[in-house]
């Protein structure tokens, strides 16, 4: 008994399948990528070397249209080869009355092929154009009337690190009302960074003019990662220590509470454990005292923490990724010459260009996760106490969360001390 198998893969839509996917011991495997030359070879070989079974994944692999599939099936019947599909029922291959399903698959595949070709040519995906852009000849172009609104939104978020605050700012200054969810989508949307993301979760870089720079995009990603570690709504809290302080004695986070006295204009701020299980409960601490201690500890410990970082290793990783990007960009620049010299056809070169740009986008994403290169100089600046006292609470909140993961209160019998856990 002789068993052969055949696979057809459209390189625009899917990768080639693994050769051992069948679970059968094969006498021969025929594989096609893009064209069906191997299928024709299979039919020619079957006329001289008899085969008993032909394994395929889906019946649509035999052709691009119903008449073509019917013709292939007739040839297999004439050669007395039994067809077995591994991803469809036997009824579908035996009863071609169910042509509607096959026709639907063919139409769906044709639409996906069209989208894939658009991706290869870095054309914009279908759907609504992101606010701040307009579509010109299947490309995104900056809309000069709306892009300043988007840029101001990003600048506000970068300045204060508060998504809700940036959303309120847009409504107050421009009358542009968006939800917090929409604001979050703006912050992570690759379009504003000059990239185009597709439904297959792949991103092409540098497809159009960006509204924000790569450095700004990297800082936005850092701020979003930082805010995810904080309790809900503390990212836009008025007080700089909100969401950062915890009590080591009862393992409870501490919240900022305001206390006023009757007929007195003064306001007193305290940090109080939110869910202390102890009896008596851990006492509250004066907010201003904790703030002063936090600034003193940062000025003393932050330069030491930064100096302890292995910048040479970080530089090595960064340089490696930059070299990889440069190498791939050189290959991209050589593709037109390879086409002109007949070494590559246009279709193969286009596919290669697309894959290279995807790889470059992935490397640029990795670069964005690295700490900023000026971390050492920034640490020297913020180790000056006067720097902190000259800031507003919202500005201080931004810098605290740029460096601090947690402020821990360590209690003693009648006193307490403070320990800071830095992000890096």
Foldseek 3Di string as FASTA:
>chain_A
DAEEEEEEEEVLPDDDDDPPPPVDDHPYYFYYYNDPPSVVVVLVVCVVPPHAEYEYADLPRQDLDPVSSVVSVVSCVVSNHHYDHDNDDPCVVVDCVVVVVVVVVSVVVVVSVVQSVCLLVVFADDDDDDFQWDDDPRATDGDPVGLVLLLQLLVVCLQQVDLVVSQVVSCVPPVDHDDSVVSVCSLPPCVQAQWHADPVRFIFHNRYDHSDYLLSSLSSVLSVVLVVLFPPPQSPDQFLCARFEAEPVQRFRWGKDWDDDPPDPDIWIWTAGPDRPDVVGDDIGGPVVVVVQVLQCLLVCVLVVVVPDDVVVVVVVLVVLVVLLVVLVVVLVCLVVCCVVVVDPPVVSSSSNSVSSRVNVVSSVVNSNDPDPCSNVVSNVSSDSVVLVPDRRSSSSSVCSSWFRHWYWYDDDPDIHIDTDTPD
